[in-house]
Amino acid sequence: IISSIERDHLHLAQSHLPRKLRKKISSLRIEGERKNVTVLFADISGFTALSEKLDPEEVIELINRCFKVLIDVIYKYEGTIDKFIGDCIMALFGAPITHEDDPERAVRTSLEIMGALDRFNEEHGTKLSIHIGINSGTVIAGGVGSDLRMNYTVMGDTVNLADRLMEEAKDEILVSESVYKKTNYLFEMRGLESVKVKGKTKRIKPYRVIGIKGIPKHKRGISELYSPLVGREKEFEKIKSALNKVLQGNGVVL
């Protein structure tokens, strides 16, 4: 049973879903399946302190305004809202809508959320903070519930680890190693000491997201590892020469 505030958040998310994104979701056949998804958990803290200074109606109004800011950023990158749990929001990138760069979209979303919350605090004189955890991996995605009420959601260890990373985060964005490997060519990240988290026998290594790199390295290869094209001038000249010969009608073998 969801609380009245969570119900308000769900209504807010549904009412602000962009028409373009709504059409994309409606056009999909949503069935139970295994998918590679990036899961983002974001938990806002500081509302309890506000309740000591403001009337309940004012607190609820601030909460809804704050969550609208988060929701708008998530929708901007075509993420979807899975659920609200108290002051926590769970978003998906890759389900039901899939993009090649879903991990990148999730990290960009988290950075923009951080900036948006800073502006929200300045505008409203609040001191809210946010803790974000992101993980990528395989999930079971599909509808759960009954014929009367069917909700699309994802389940699996990937979801659990994203939640654990959020719990470890302290006013920061923490990502798993899988997200780090797929996005570190774009974002500045700092590896932290391995931690023991609930539900995992092995310790996991989180990475703190610092920001966007000034000049991203070129993405190469199929292993999702990234490195700049340095010291490859001779190979590049050879390729250019071969292309010129092809354009002139001469076959060539590299």
Protein backbone atom coordinates (compact mmCIF):
# COMPACT_ATOMS: atom_id res chain seq x y z
CA ILE A 1 0.00 0.00 0.00
CA ILE A 2 1.55 3.30 -1.04
CA SER A 3 1.32 6.41 1.12
CA SER A 4 -0.65 9.49 0.06
CA ILE A 5 2.61 11.37 -0.61
CA GLU A 6 3.91 8.54 -2.82
CA ARG A 7 0.56 8.56 -4.62
CA ASP A 8 0.97 12.31 -5.18
CA HIS A 9 4.45 11.68 -6.60
CA LEU A 10 3.13 9.02 -8.98
CA HIS A 11 0.38 11.36 -10.16
CA LEU A 12 3.01 14.08 -10.63
CA ALA A 13 5.20 11.75 -12.69
CA GLN A 14 2.30 10.61 -14.87
CA SER A 15 0.93 14.11 -15.42
CA HIS A 16 4.34 15.49 -16.46
CA LEU A 17 5.27 12.63 -18.80
CA PRO A 18 6.10 14.32 -22.14
CA ARG A 19 3.75 13.42 -24.99
CA LYS A 20 6.65 12.23 -27.17
CA LEU A 21 7.88 9.87 -24.45
CA ARG A 22 4.33 8.68 -23.71
CA LYS A 23 3.87 7.74 -27.39
CA LYS A 24 7.16 5.82 -27.43
CA ILE A 25 6.16 3.80 -24.37
CA SER A 26 2.64 3.16 -25.70
CA SER A 27 4.03 1.79 -28.98
CA LEU A 28 6.06 -0.91 -27.21
CA ARG A 29 4.94 -4.45 -26.45
CA ILE A 30 5.73 -4.82 -22.78
CA GLU A 31 6.32 -8.46 -21.90
CA GLY A 32 8.43 -10.25 -19.33
CA GLU A 33 12.01 -10.40 -20.61
CA ARG A 34 15.66 -10.16 -19.64
CA LYS A 35 17.10 -6.74 -20.47
CA ASN A 36 20.25 -4.74 -19.90
CA VAL A 37 19.10 -1.76 -17.88
CA THR A 38 20.69 1.08 -15.93
CA VAL A 39 18.94 1.65 -12.61
CA LEU A 40 19.13 4.96 -10.73
CA PHE A 41 18.07 5.44 -7.11
CA ALA A 42 17.93 8.98 -5.72
CA ASP A 43 17.04 9.75 -2.11
CA ILE A 44 16.35 13.28 -0.91
CA SER A 45 16.96 14.15 2.73
CA GLY A 46 16.13 17.27 4.70
CA PHE A 47 12.34 17.30 4.58
CA THR A 48 12.06 16.27 8.24
CA ALA A 49 13.89 19.43 9.33
CA LEU A 50 11.50 21.50 7.23
CA SER A 51 8.48 19.98 8.96
CA GLU A 52 9.66 21.56 12.21
CA LYS A 53 9.54 25.05 10.68
CA LEU A 54 6.67 24.93 8.19
CA ASP A 55 3.04 23.90 8.14
CA PRO A 56 2.33 20.39 6.76
CA GLU A 57 0.70 21.88 3.66
CA GLU A 58 3.78 23.99 2.95
CA VAL A 59 6.09 20.99 3.38
CA ILE A 60 4.01 18.89 0.97
CA GLU A 61 4.03 21.74 -1.55
CA LEU A 62 7.84 21.97 -1.34
CA ILE A 63 8.21 18.19 -1.64
CA ASN A 64 6.08 18.13 -4.78
CA ARG A 65 7.98 21.04 -6.33
CA CYS A 66 11.28 19.33 -5.56
CA PHE A 67 10.20 16.01 -7.05
CA LYS A 68 8.90 17.76 -10.16
CA VAL A 69 12.44 19.09 -10.71
CA LEU A 70 13.84 15.54 -10.51
CA ILE A 71 11.11 14.07 -12.71
CA ASP A 72 11.65 16.66 -15.44
CA VAL A 73 15.39 15.88 -15.63
CA ILE A 74 14.74 12.11 -15.79
CA TYR A 75 12.23 12.58 -18.61
CA LYS A 76 14.63 14.90 -20.45
CA TYR A 77 16.96 11.90 -20.95
CA GLU A 78 14.03 9.54 -21.68
CA GLY A 79 14.33 7.67 -18.43
CA THR A 80 11.18 6.25 -16.87
CA ILE A 81 9.94 6.39 -13.29
CA ASP A 82 9.65 2.90 -11.80
CA LYS A 83 8.44 3.84 -8.33
CA PHE A 84 8.63 6.17 -5.35
CA ILE A 85 9.59 4.87 -1.92
CA GLY A 86 9.12 7.61 0.65
CA ASP A 87 11.51 10.40 -0.39
CA CYS A 88 13.34 8.08 -2.79
CA ILE A 89 12.79 7.82 -6.52
CA MET A 90 13.75 4.82 -8.69
CA ALA A 91 14.31 5.51 -12.39
CA LEU A 92 15.15 3.22 -15.30
CA PHE A 93 17.24 3.84 -18.40
CA GLY A 94 16.82 1.02 -20.90
CA ALA A 95 13.36 -0.19 -19.91
CA PRO A 96 10.92 -0.09 -21.48
CA ILE A 97 12.66 2.33 -23.91
CA THR A 98 16.19 1.27 -24.89
CA HIS A 99 19.08 3.49 -25.99
CA GLU A 100 22.67 2.56 -26.78
CA ASP A 101 23.90 5.13 -24.27
CA ASP A 102 21.58 4.40 -21.32
CA PRO A 103 24.42 4.34 -18.72
CA GLU A 104 25.59 7.75 -19.98
CA ARG A 105 22.03 9.10 -19.82
CA ALA A 106 21.73 7.96 -16.20
CA VAL A 107 24.97 9.66 -15.15
CA ARG A 108 24.08 12.88 -16.99
CA THR A 109 20.69 12.81 -15.30
CA SER A 110 22.26 12.45 -11.86
CA LEU A 111 24.65 15.37 -12.44
CA GLU A 112 21.82 17.60 -13.65
CA ILE A 113 19.70 16.58 -10.67
CA MET A 114 22.51 17.65 -8.33
CA GLY A 115 22.72 21.04 -10.03
CA ALA A 116 18.95 21.45 -10.09
CA LEU A 117 18.70 20.70 -6.37
CA ASP A 118 21.37 23.33 -5.63
CA ARG A 119 19.30 25.91 -7.52
CA PHE A 120 16.14 24.73 -5.75
CA ASN A 121 17.81 25.25 -2.36
CA GLU A 122 18.91 28.76 -3.32
CA GLU A 123 15.46 29.67 -4.60
CA HIS A 124 13.53 28.31 -1.61
CA GLY A 125 16.06 28.81 1.19
CA THR A 126 16.14 25.08 1.91
CA LYS A 127 19.02 22.74 2.75
CA LEU A 128 17.96 19.58 0.99
CA SER A 129 20.59 17.03 -0.03
CA ILE A 130 20.49 14.04 -2.35
CA HIS A 131 22.25 10.68 -2.48
CA ILE A 132 22.34 8.79 -5.79
CA GLY A 133 23.32 5.22 -6.69
CA ILE A 134 23.55 3.88 -10.26
CA ASN A 135 24.13 0.36 -11.54
CA SER A 136 23.91 -1.35 -14.95
CA GLY A 137 23.22 -4.99 -15.64
CA THR A 138 20.67 -7.63 -16.55
CA VAL A 139 17.20 -7.47 -15.01
CA ILE A 140 13.88 -9.24 -15.42
CA ALA A 141 11.52 -6.62 -16.83
CA GLY A 142 7.77 -6.86 -17.26
CA GLY A 143 4.36 -6.30 -15.76
CA VAL A 144 3.55 -7.35 -12.21
CA GLY A 145 0.22 -7.33 -10.42
CA SER A 146 -3.23 -8.43 -11.51
CA ASP A 147 -5.50 -7.74 -14.47
CA LEU A 148 -7.06 -4.92 -12.44
CA ARG A 149 -3.72 -3.17 -11.85
CA MET A 150 -0.61 -4.09 -13.84
CA ASN A 151 2.62 -2.15 -13.26
CA TYR A 152 5.77 -2.33 -15.35
CA THR A 153 8.88 -2.86 -13.23
CA VAL A 154 12.28 -4.53 -13.14
CA MET A 155 13.71 -7.01 -10.67
CA GLY A 156 17.05 -8.60 -9.93
CA ASP A 157 20.45 -8.15 -8.34
CA THR A 158 21.17 -5.16 -10.59
CA VAL A 159 18.37 -3.25 -8.88
CA ASN A 160 19.52 -4.28 -5.41
CA LEU A 161 23.08 -3.06 -5.98
CA ALA A 162 21.89 0.33 -7.26
CA ASP A 163 19.87 0.66 -4.05
CA ARG A 164 22.89 -0.31 -1.91
CA LEU A 165 25.08 2.25 -3.69
CA MET A 166 22.51 4.93 -2.92
CA GLU A 167 22.60 3.92 0.75
CA GLU A 168 26.41 4.24 0.73
CA ALA A 169 26.34 7.66 -0.96
CA LYS A 170 26.72 10.77 1.20
CA ASP A 171 25.49 13.83 -0.72
CA GLU A 172 27.14 12.37 -3.85
CA ILE A 173 26.70 10.12 -6.87
CA LEU A 174 28.10 6.60 -6.59
CA VAL A 175 28.20 4.21 -9.55
CA SER A 176 29.12 0.56 -9.88
CA GLU A 177 32.11 -0.79 -11.77
CA SER A 178 29.89 -1.73 -14.71
CA VAL A 179 28.73 1.88 -15.07
CA TYR A 180 32.29 3.14 -14.60
CA LYS A 181 33.61 0.97 -17.44
CA LYS A 182 30.92 2.20 -19.82
CA THR A 183 31.11 5.91 -19.03
CA ASN A 184 34.53 6.84 -17.61
CA TYR A 185 35.67 8.17 -20.99
CA LEU A 186 33.06 10.92 -20.59
CA PHE A 187 32.99 11.58 -16.86
CA GLU A 188 35.55 12.30 -14.19
CA MET A 189 35.24 9.54 -11.59
CA ARG A 190 37.19 8.60 -8.50
CA GLY A 191 37.48 5.03 -7.31
CA LEU A 192 36.75 4.56 -3.61
CA GLU A 193 37.69 1.81 -1.19
CA SER A 194 35.76 -1.42 -1.61
CA VAL A 195 32.79 -1.76 0.73
CA LYS A 196 30.69 -4.62 2.06
CA VAL A 197 27.05 -4.23 1.17
CA LYS A 198 23.98 -6.18 2.19
CA GLY A 199 23.21 -9.13 -0.08
CA LYS A 200 26.72 -9.41 -1.54
CA THR A 201 29.33 -11.93 -0.41
CA LYS A 202 32.15 -10.04 -2.13
CA ARG A 203 33.02 -6.42 -1.43
CA ILE A 204 32.11 -4.01 -4.22
CA LYS A 205 34.11 -1.03 -5.47
CA PRO A 206 32.08 2.16 -5.87
CA TYR A 207 33.12 5.14 -7.99
CA ARG A 208 32.24 8.74 -7.15
CA VAL A 209 31.14 10.88 -10.10
CA ILE A 210 32.96 14.22 -10.09
CA GLY A 211 31.70 15.77 -13.32
CA ILE A 212 31.92 15.79 -17.10
CA LYS A 213 35.36 15.62 -18.68
CA GLY A 214 36.40 18.64 -20.72
CA ILE A 215 37.45 16.66 -23.81
CA PRO A 216 36.17 13.08 -23.97
CA LYS A 217 38.54 10.42 -25.23
CA HIS A 218 37.59 8.63 -28.45
CA LYS A 219 35.54 5.49 -27.96
CA ARG A 220 37.12 2.51 -29.70
CA GLY A 221 36.78 -1.25 -29.83
CA ILE A 222 34.07 -3.66 -28.76
CA SER A 223 35.30 -4.24 -25.24
CA GLU A 224 33.84 -0.94 -23.99
CA LEU A 225 37.29 0.22 -22.99
CA TYR A 226 38.35 3.68 -24.02
CA SER A 227 41.71 5.19 -24.94
CA PRO A 228 42.90 8.19 -26.97
CA LEU A 229 44.37 7.78 -30.46
CA VAL A 230 47.96 8.56 -29.49
CA GLY A 231 51.12 7.41 -31.30
CA ARG A 232 49.17 6.06 -34.28
CA GLU A 233 50.23 8.60 -36.93
CA LYS A 234 51.85 6.01 -39.25
CA GLU A 235 48.76 3.79 -39.22
CA PHE A 236 46.57 6.81 -39.89
CA GLU A 237 48.70 7.89 -42.88
CA LYS A 238 48.56 4.33 -44.24
CA ILE A 239 44.77 4.32 -44.03
CA LYS A 240 44.56 7.73 -45.75
CA SER A 241 46.81 6.51 -48.57
CA ALA A 242 44.72 3.37 -49.00
CA LEU A 243 41.49 5.38 -49.15
CA ASN A 244 42.94 7.64 -51.84
CA LYS A 245 43.87 4.59 -53.95
CA VAL A 246 40.36 3.18 -53.55
CA LEU A 247 38.84 6.50 -54.64
CA GLN A 248 41.11 6.44 -57.72
CA GLY A 249 39.80 2.98 -58.60
CA ASN A 250 42.78 0.96 -57.40
CA GLY A 251 42.15 -1.95 -55.04
CA VAL A 252 44.29 -2.19 -51.95
CA VAL A 253 44.83 -4.53 -49.02
CA LEU A 254 45.62 -3.07 -45.60
